[in-house]
Amino acid sequence: MELNTASSVISFARELEENSARFYEGLAKQYPRGEQTFLDFAKENRKFIKQFETAYYGVITDAIEGCFAFSIDPDKYKIDTQPANDVSGAVSQAVTVEDILIRFYTDAAEQSKSLMADVPRAFTLIARKRSGRKQALESIR
């Protein structure tokens, strides 16, 4: 099912962030070596939710919601949140999760930039912040 409205994309973004936060919390319990990094990522994921929801609720109107600003296929952005059996595999999996979420936020920002300003800006900023996570993940390996 394709997501077309701002409301549906915001809800999907919230779901992605919550799932990936739980994923990182699970990794923190399973791999003490990266515990603080994983917990920091989970905490930051919840900040991302506040960031894009604040942008969304600050500008939403019936006119924007009535428009179809998006063409998002959620199946393209599924993330595997079952932790791997070893730390190297878990790090590889986390890098994949980050790549998928970066792609989601980049695609969503691009699709909505002509109709909104604040939401695509928030999505672009989150994608940029997520890009920096890969180096931190590699240091855990």
N, C-alpha and C. Protein backbone atom coordinates (compact mmCIF):
# COMPACT_ATOMS: atom_id res chain seq x y z
N MET A 1 0.84 -1.17 0.00
CA MET A 1 0.00 0.00 0.00
C MET A 1 0.89 1.24 0.00
N GLU A 2 0.70 2.07 -0.96
CA GLU A 2 1.51 3.28 -1.09
C GLU A 2 1.02 4.35 -0.13
N LEU A 3 1.97 5.09 0.43
CA LEU A 3 1.66 6.20 1.33
C LEU A 3 1.68 7.48 0.52
N ASN A 4 0.59 8.25 0.59
CA ASN A 4 0.49 9.46 -0.22
C ASN A 4 0.36 10.75 0.58
N THR A 5 -0.21 10.67 1.76
CA THR A 5 -0.46 11.89 2.52
C THR A 5 0.66 12.15 3.53
N ALA A 6 0.76 13.39 3.92
CA ALA A 6 1.75 13.75 4.93
C ALA A 6 1.50 12.98 6.22
N SER A 7 0.26 12.84 6.62
CA SER A 7 -0.08 12.13 7.84
C SER A 7 0.41 10.68 7.80
N SER A 8 0.20 10.01 6.69
CA SER A 8 0.61 8.61 6.59
C SER A 8 2.13 8.47 6.59
N VAL A 9 2.83 9.39 5.96
CA VAL A 9 4.29 9.33 5.93
C VAL A 9 4.87 9.67 7.31
N ILE A 10 4.29 10.62 8.00
CA ILE A 10 4.74 10.95 9.36
C ILE A 10 4.52 9.74 10.27
N SER A 11 3.39 9.09 10.15
CA SER A 11 3.12 7.89 10.97
C SER A 11 4.13 6.79 10.64
N PHE A 12 4.44 6.61 9.37
CA PHE A 12 5.41 5.59 8.97
C PHE A 12 6.80 5.95 9.48
N ALA A 13 7.17 7.21 9.41
CA ALA A 13 8.47 7.65 9.93
C ALA A 13 8.56 7.38 11.43
N ARG A 14 7.49 7.65 12.15
CA ARG A 14 7.45 7.37 13.59
C ARG A 14 7.64 5.87 13.84
N GLU A 15 6.97 5.04 13.06
CA GLU A 15 7.11 3.59 13.20
C GLU A 15 8.55 3.14 12.94
N LEU A 16 9.17 3.68 11.89
CA LEU A 16 10.57 3.34 11.59
C LEU A 16 11.49 3.73 12.75
N GLU A 17 11.30 4.92 13.29
CA GLU A 17 12.14 5.39 14.38
C GLU A 17 11.94 4.57 15.65
N GLU A 18 10.70 4.25 15.96
CA GLU A 18 10.43 3.45 17.16
C GLU A 18 11.02 2.04 17.01
N ASN A 19 10.84 1.44 15.83
CA ASN A 19 11.40 0.10 15.60
C ASN A 19 12.92 0.11 15.67
N SER A 20 13.54 1.11 15.06
CA SER A 20 15.00 1.15 15.08
C SER A 20 15.52 1.50 16.48
N ALA A 21 14.78 2.27 17.26
CA ALA A 21 15.18 2.57 18.64
C ALA A 21 15.16 1.28 19.46
N ARG A 22 14.10 0.49 19.31
CA ARG A 22 14.04 -0.80 20.02
C ARG A 22 15.16 -1.73 19.56
N PHE A 23 15.48 -1.69 18.28
CA PHE A 23 16.58 -2.49 17.73
C PHE A 23 17.88 -2.11 18.43
N TYR A 24 18.17 -0.82 18.53
CA TYR A 24 19.40 -0.37 19.18
C TYR A 24 19.41 -0.68 20.67
N GLU A 25 18.27 -0.58 21.32
CA GLU A 25 18.21 -0.96 22.74
C GLU A 25 18.51 -2.44 22.93
N GLY A 26 18.02 -3.26 22.01
CA GLY A 26 18.33 -4.69 22.07
C GLY A 26 19.80 -4.95 21.85
N LEU A 27 20.41 -4.23 20.90
CA LEU A 27 21.85 -4.39 20.67
C LEU A 27 22.65 -3.96 21.90
N ALA A 28 22.20 -2.92 22.58
CA ALA A 28 22.90 -2.44 23.78
C ALA A 28 22.92 -3.52 24.86
N LYS A 29 21.83 -4.24 24.99
CA LYS A 29 21.77 -5.32 25.99
C LYS A 29 22.63 -6.51 25.57
N GLN A 30 22.67 -6.77 24.29
CA GLN A 30 23.35 -7.96 23.79
C GLN A 30 24.86 -7.75 23.63
N TYR A 31 25.29 -6.52 23.31
CA TYR A 31 26.69 -6.25 23.01
C TYR A 31 27.21 -5.09 23.85
N PRO A 32 27.72 -5.39 25.04
CA PRO A 32 28.19 -4.33 25.95
C PRO A 32 29.27 -3.44 25.33
N ARG A 33 30.01 -3.98 24.40
CA ARG A 33 31.09 -3.20 23.77
C ARG A 33 30.56 -1.93 23.10
N GLY A 34 29.38 -2.00 22.56
CA GLY A 34 28.79 -0.83 21.89
C GLY A 34 27.60 -0.27 22.62
N GLU A 35 27.44 -0.67 23.89
CA GLU A 35 26.24 -0.32 24.64
C GLU A 35 25.93 1.18 24.61
N GLN A 36 26.90 2.02 24.94
CA GLN A 36 26.61 3.46 25.02
C GLN A 36 26.26 4.04 23.65
N THR A 37 26.96 3.62 22.62
CA THR A 37 26.63 4.11 21.26
C THR A 37 25.21 3.70 20.88
N PHE A 38 24.86 2.44 21.13
CA PHE A 38 23.53 1.96 20.78
C PHE A 38 22.45 2.70 21.57
N LEU A 39 22.69 2.92 22.85
CA LEU A 39 21.71 3.66 23.66
C LEU A 39 21.59 5.11 23.22
N ASP A 40 22.71 5.70 22.85
CA ASP A 40 22.69 7.08 22.33
C ASP A 40 21.87 7.15 21.04
N PHE A 41 22.03 6.15 20.17
CA PHE A 41 21.26 6.13 18.92
C PHE A 41 19.76 6.00 19.21
N ALA A 42 19.40 5.12 20.14
CA ALA A 42 17.99 4.93 20.49
C ALA A 42 17.39 6.24 21.01
N LYS A 43 18.14 6.91 21.86
CA LYS A 43 17.69 8.19 22.41
C LYS A 43 17.53 9.23 21.29
N GLU A 44 18.51 9.27 20.39
CA GLU A 44 18.45 10.21 19.28
C GLU A 44 17.27 9.90 18.35
N ASN A 45 16.96 8.62 18.15
CA ASN A 45 15.81 8.26 17.32
C ASN A 45 14.53 8.89 17.86
N ARG A 46 14.39 8.88 19.16
CA ARG A 46 13.18 9.46 19.76
C ARG A 46 13.19 10.98 19.61
N LYS A 47 14.36 11.58 19.58
CA LYS A 47 14.45 13.02 19.32
C LYS A 47 14.06 13.32 17.87
N PHE A 48 14.42 12.40 16.96
CA PHE A 48 14.05 12.59 15.56
C PHE A 48 12.53 12.62 15.42
N ILE A 49 11.83 11.77 16.17
CA ILE A 49 10.37 11.76 16.12
C ILE A 49 9.83 13.13 16.52
N LYS A 50 10.33 13.66 17.61
CA LYS A 50 9.88 14.99 18.06
C LYS A 50 10.19 16.05 17.01
N GLN A 51 11.36 15.91 16.38
CA GLN A 51 11.79 16.90 15.40
C GLN A 51 10.84 16.94 14.20
N PHE A 52 10.56 15.79 13.60
CA PHE A 52 9.70 15.84 12.41
C PHE A 52 8.23 16.04 12.77
N GLU A 53 7.80 15.57 13.94
CA GLU A 53 6.41 15.83 14.34
C GLU A 53 6.19 17.31 14.64
N THR A 54 7.17 17.95 15.26
CA THR A 54 7.07 19.39 15.52
C THR A 54 6.98 20.16 14.20
N ALA A 55 7.82 19.79 13.24
CA ALA A 55 7.77 20.44 11.93
C ALA A 55 6.43 20.21 11.26
N TYR A 56 5.95 18.99 11.33
CA TYR A 56 4.68 18.63 10.69
C TYR A 56 3.50 19.36 11.33
N TYR A 57 3.38 19.26 12.65
CA TYR A 57 2.23 19.87 13.32
C TYR A 57 2.29 21.39 13.29
N GLY A 58 3.47 21.94 13.10
CA GLY A 58 3.61 23.39 13.03
C GLY A 58 3.13 23.98 11.72
N VAL A 59 3.05 23.16 10.67
CA VAL A 59 2.68 23.69 9.36
C VAL A 59 1.47 23.02 8.73
N ILE A 60 0.95 21.98 9.38
CA ILE A 60 -0.12 21.22 8.75
C ILE A 60 -1.40 22.04 8.63
N THR A 61 -2.00 21.91 7.50
CA THR A 61 -3.31 22.51 7.25
C THR A 61 -4.11 21.51 6.45
N ASP A 62 -5.38 21.73 6.37
CA ASP A 62 -6.21 20.83 5.57
C ASP A 62 -5.77 20.84 4.11
N ALA A 63 -5.29 21.98 3.63
CA ALA A 63 -4.85 22.07 2.24
C ALA A 63 -3.66 21.15 1.99
N ILE A 64 -2.70 21.16 2.91
CA ILE A 64 -1.53 20.29 2.74
C ILE A 64 -1.94 18.84 2.87
N GLU A 65 -2.72 18.53 3.90
CA GLU A 65 -3.11 17.14 4.13
C GLU A 65 -3.97 16.62 2.99
N GLY A 66 -4.78 17.51 2.39
CA GLY A 66 -5.62 17.10 1.28
C GLY A 66 -4.82 16.79 0.02
N CYS A 67 -3.64 17.36 -0.07
CA CYS A 67 -2.79 17.10 -1.23
C CYS A 67 -2.09 15.76 -1.07
N PHE A 68 -1.67 15.24 -2.17
CA PHE A 68 -0.91 14.00 -2.14
C PHE A 68 0.54 14.37 -2.43
N ALA A 69 1.27 14.66 -1.37
CA ALA A 69 2.64 15.14 -1.48
C ALA A 69 3.64 14.00 -1.63
N PHE A 70 3.20 12.77 -1.38
CA PHE A 70 4.13 11.66 -1.36
C PHE A 70 3.68 10.51 -2.25
N SER A 71 4.65 9.71 -2.60
CA SER A 71 4.41 8.44 -3.27
C SER A 71 5.43 7.47 -2.69
N ILE A 72 5.19 7.05 -1.45
CA ILE A 72 6.13 6.23 -0.69
C ILE A 72 5.61 4.80 -0.61
N ASP A 73 6.44 3.87 -1.02
CA ASP A 73 6.12 2.45 -0.89
C ASP A 73 6.84 1.94 0.37
N PRO A 74 6.11 1.70 1.45
CA PRO A 74 6.75 1.30 2.70
C PRO A 74 7.57 0.02 2.60
N ASP A 75 7.23 -0.84 1.66
CA ASP A 75 7.98 -2.09 1.49
C ASP A 75 9.44 -1.83 1.09
N LYS A 76 9.71 -0.69 0.47
CA LYS A 76 11.08 -0.35 0.08
C LYS A 76 11.95 0.03 1.28
N TYR A 77 11.32 0.25 2.43
CA TYR A 77 12.04 0.76 3.59
C TYR A 77 11.91 -0.16 4.81
N LYS A 78 11.65 -1.43 4.57
CA LYS A 78 11.55 -2.37 5.69
C LYS A 78 12.93 -2.58 6.30
N ILE A 79 12.95 -2.65 7.62
CA ILE A 79 14.21 -2.87 8.33
C ILE A 79 14.12 -4.16 9.13
N ASP A 80 15.22 -4.87 9.18
CA ASP A 80 15.32 -6.11 9.96
C ASP A 80 15.79 -5.74 11.35
N THR A 81 14.95 -5.97 12.34
CA THR A 81 15.30 -5.58 13.71
C THR A 81 15.63 -6.77 14.61
N GLN A 82 15.80 -7.93 14.02
CA GLN A 82 16.24 -9.10 14.80
C GLN A 82 17.77 -9.07 14.83
N PRO A 83 18.36 -8.86 16.02
CA PRO A 83 19.82 -8.73 16.10
C PRO A 83 20.56 -9.96 15.60
N ALA A 84 21.68 -9.72 14.94
CA ALA A 84 22.54 -10.80 14.46
C ALA A 84 23.18 -11.51 15.64
N ASN A 85 23.84 -12.62 15.35
CA ASN A 85 24.41 -13.46 16.41
C ASN A 85 25.75 -12.98 16.95
N ASP A 86 26.43 -12.10 16.23
CA ASP A 86 27.72 -11.61 16.72
C ASP A 86 27.80 -10.11 16.50
N VAL A 87 28.75 -9.48 17.15
CA VAL A 87 28.84 -8.01 17.10
C VAL A 87 29.13 -7.52 15.69
N SER A 88 29.96 -8.21 14.95
CA SER A 88 30.28 -7.79 13.59
C SER A 88 29.03 -7.83 12.70
N GLY A 89 28.26 -8.90 12.85
CA GLY A 89 27.01 -9.01 12.09
C GLY A 89 26.00 -7.96 12.52
N ALA A 90 25.95 -7.69 13.82
CA ALA A 90 25.03 -6.68 14.33
C ALA A 90 25.39 -5.29 13.80
N VAL A 91 26.69 -5.00 13.74
CA VAL A 91 27.13 -3.71 13.20
C VAL A 91 26.77 -3.61 11.72
N SER A 92 27.01 -4.67 10.97
CA SER A 92 26.64 -4.67 9.55
C SER A 92 25.14 -4.45 9.38
N GLN A 93 24.37 -5.11 10.21
CA GLN A 93 22.93 -4.96 10.17
C GLN A 93 22.53 -3.53 10.51
N ALA A 94 23.17 -2.94 11.51
CA ALA A 94 22.86 -1.57 11.90
C ALA A 94 23.21 -0.59 10.79
N VAL A 95 24.32 -0.81 10.09
CA VAL A 95 24.68 0.04 8.96
C VAL A 95 23.61 -0.06 7.87
N THR A 96 23.10 -1.27 7.63
CA THR A 96 22.04 -1.45 6.65
C THR A 96 20.78 -0.71 7.08
N VAL A 97 20.43 -0.79 8.37
CA VAL A 97 19.27 -0.06 8.89
C VAL A 97 19.45 1.44 8.63
N GLU A 98 20.63 1.95 8.94
CA GLU A 98 20.89 3.37 8.72
C GLU A 98 20.76 3.74 7.24
N ASP A 99 21.31 2.91 6.36
CA ASP A 99 21.21 3.17 4.91
C ASP A 99 19.76 3.23 4.45
N ILE A 100 18.95 2.31 4.94
CA ILE A 100 17.53 2.28 4.56
C ILE A 100 16.82 3.54 5.08
N LEU A 101 17.09 3.91 6.31
CA LEU A 101 16.42 5.09 6.87
C LEU A 101 16.91 6.37 6.21
N ILE A 102 18.17 6.44 5.87
CA ILE A 102 18.68 7.61 5.13
C ILE A 102 17.95 7.71 3.79
N ARG A 103 17.81 6.58 3.11
CA ARG A 103 17.11 6.58 1.82
C ARG A 103 15.65 7.01 1.98
N PHE A 104 14.99 6.53 3.04
CA PHE A 104 13.60 6.93 3.29
C PHE A 104 13.49 8.44 3.49
N TYR A 105 14.30 8.99 4.40
CA TYR A 105 14.21 10.42 4.68
C TYR A 105 14.59 11.27 3.47
N THR A 106 15.57 10.82 2.71
CA THR A 106 15.97 11.56 1.51
C THR A 106 14.85 11.54 0.47
N ASP A 107 14.26 10.37 0.24
CA ASP A 107 13.16 10.25 -0.72
C ASP A 107 11.95 11.07 -0.27
N ALA A 108 11.59 10.98 1.00
CA ALA A 108 10.43 11.72 1.50
C ALA A 108 10.65 13.23 1.42
N ALA A 109 11.86 13.67 1.73
CA ALA A 109 12.16 15.10 1.63
C ALA A 109 12.06 15.58 0.19
N GLU A 110 12.61 14.81 -0.71
CA GLU A 110 12.59 15.18 -2.14
C GLU A 110 11.15 15.25 -2.66
N GLN A 111 10.34 14.29 -2.28
CA GLN A 111 8.97 14.25 -2.79
C GLN A 111 8.10 15.38 -2.26
N SER A 112 8.39 15.87 -1.07
CA SER A 112 7.50 16.85 -0.45
C SER A 112 8.02 18.28 -0.50
N LYS A 113 9.20 18.49 -1.03
CA LYS A 113 9.79 19.83 -0.94
C LYS A 113 9.02 20.89 -1.72
N SER A 114 8.26 20.51 -2.73
CA SER A 114 7.53 21.53 -3.50
C SER A 114 6.25 21.98 -2.78
N LEU A 115 5.76 21.21 -1.83
CA LEU A 115 4.52 21.56 -1.14
C LEU A 115 4.72 22.03 0.29
N MET A 116 5.84 21.69 0.87
CA MET A 116 6.10 22.02 2.27
C MET A 116 7.54 22.49 2.38
N ALA A 117 7.86 23.16 3.45
CA ALA A 117 9.25 23.56 3.67
C ALA A 117 9.81 22.91 4.92
N ASP A 118 9.08 22.99 6.02
CA ASP A 118 9.61 22.53 7.30
C ASP A 118 9.79 21.02 7.39
N VAL A 119 8.83 20.27 6.90
CA VAL A 119 8.92 18.81 6.99
C VAL A 119 10.08 18.27 6.14
N PRO A 120 10.22 18.68 4.88
CA PRO A 120 11.37 18.18 4.11
C PRO A 120 12.70 18.63 4.72
N ARG A 121 12.73 19.82 5.29
CA ARG A 121 13.95 20.30 5.94
C ARG A 121 14.30 19.39 7.11
N ALA A 122 13.31 19.03 7.92
CA ALA A 122 13.54 18.13 9.06
C ALA A 122 13.99 16.76 8.58
N PHE A 123 13.36 16.25 7.53
CA PHE A 123 13.75 14.95 6.99
C PHE A 123 15.19 14.98 6.45
N THR A 124 15.56 16.04 5.78
CA THR A 124 16.92 16.15 5.24
C THR A 124 17.95 16.21 6.37
N LEU A 125 17.63 16.95 7.41
CA LEU A 125 18.53 17.05 8.56
C LEU A 125 18.71 15.69 9.24
N ILE A 126 17.62 14.96 9.40
CA ILE A 126 17.70 13.63 10.02
C ILE A 126 18.53 12.69 9.15
N ALA A 127 18.35 12.73 7.85
CA ALA A 127 19.16 11.89 6.95
C ALA A 127 20.64 12.21 7.11
N ARG A 128 20.96 13.49 7.20
CA ARG A 128 22.36 13.92 7.35
C ARG A 128 22.94 13.41 8.68
N LYS A 129 22.16 13.53 9.75
CA LYS A 129 22.62 13.06 11.06
C LYS A 129 22.83 11.55 11.05
N ARG A 130 21.95 10.84 10.39
CA ARG A 130 22.08 9.39 10.32
C ARG A 130 23.32 8.98 9.54
N SER A 131 23.71 9.75 8.56
CA SER A 131 24.92 9.43 7.79
C SER A 131 26.15 9.38 8.69
N GLY A 132 26.20 10.22 9.69
CA GLY A 132 27.33 10.26 10.61
C GLY A 132 27.39 9.06 11.54
N ARG A 133 26.32 8.32 11.64
CA ARG A 133 26.29 7.18 12.54
C ARG A 133 27.15 6.01 12.04
N LYS A 134 27.32 5.90 10.76
CA LYS A 134 28.04 4.73 10.22
C LYS A 134 29.46 4.63 10.73
N GLN A 135 30.13 5.74 10.86
CA GLN A 135 31.50 5.73 11.38
C GLN A 135 31.51 5.27 12.83
N ALA A 136 30.58 5.74 13.62
CA ALA A 136 30.49 5.31 15.02
C ALA A 136 30.21 3.82 15.11
N LEU A 137 29.38 3.31 14.23
CA LEU A 137 29.10 1.88 14.22
C LEU A 137 30.33 1.06 13.87
N GLU A 138 31.07 1.52 12.88
CA GLU A 138 32.27 0.79 12.45
C GLU A 138 33.30 0.69 13.57
N SER A 139 33.34 1.67 14.46
CA SER A 139 34.32 1.65 15.55
C SER A 139 33.99 0.59 16.60
N ILE A 140 32.77 0.08 16.58
CA ILE A 140 32.34 -0.97 17.54
C ILE A 140 32.83 -2.34 17.09
N ARG A 141 32.92 -2.53 15.81
CA ARG A 141 33.29 -3.83 15.24
C ARG A 141 34.44 -4.40 15.91
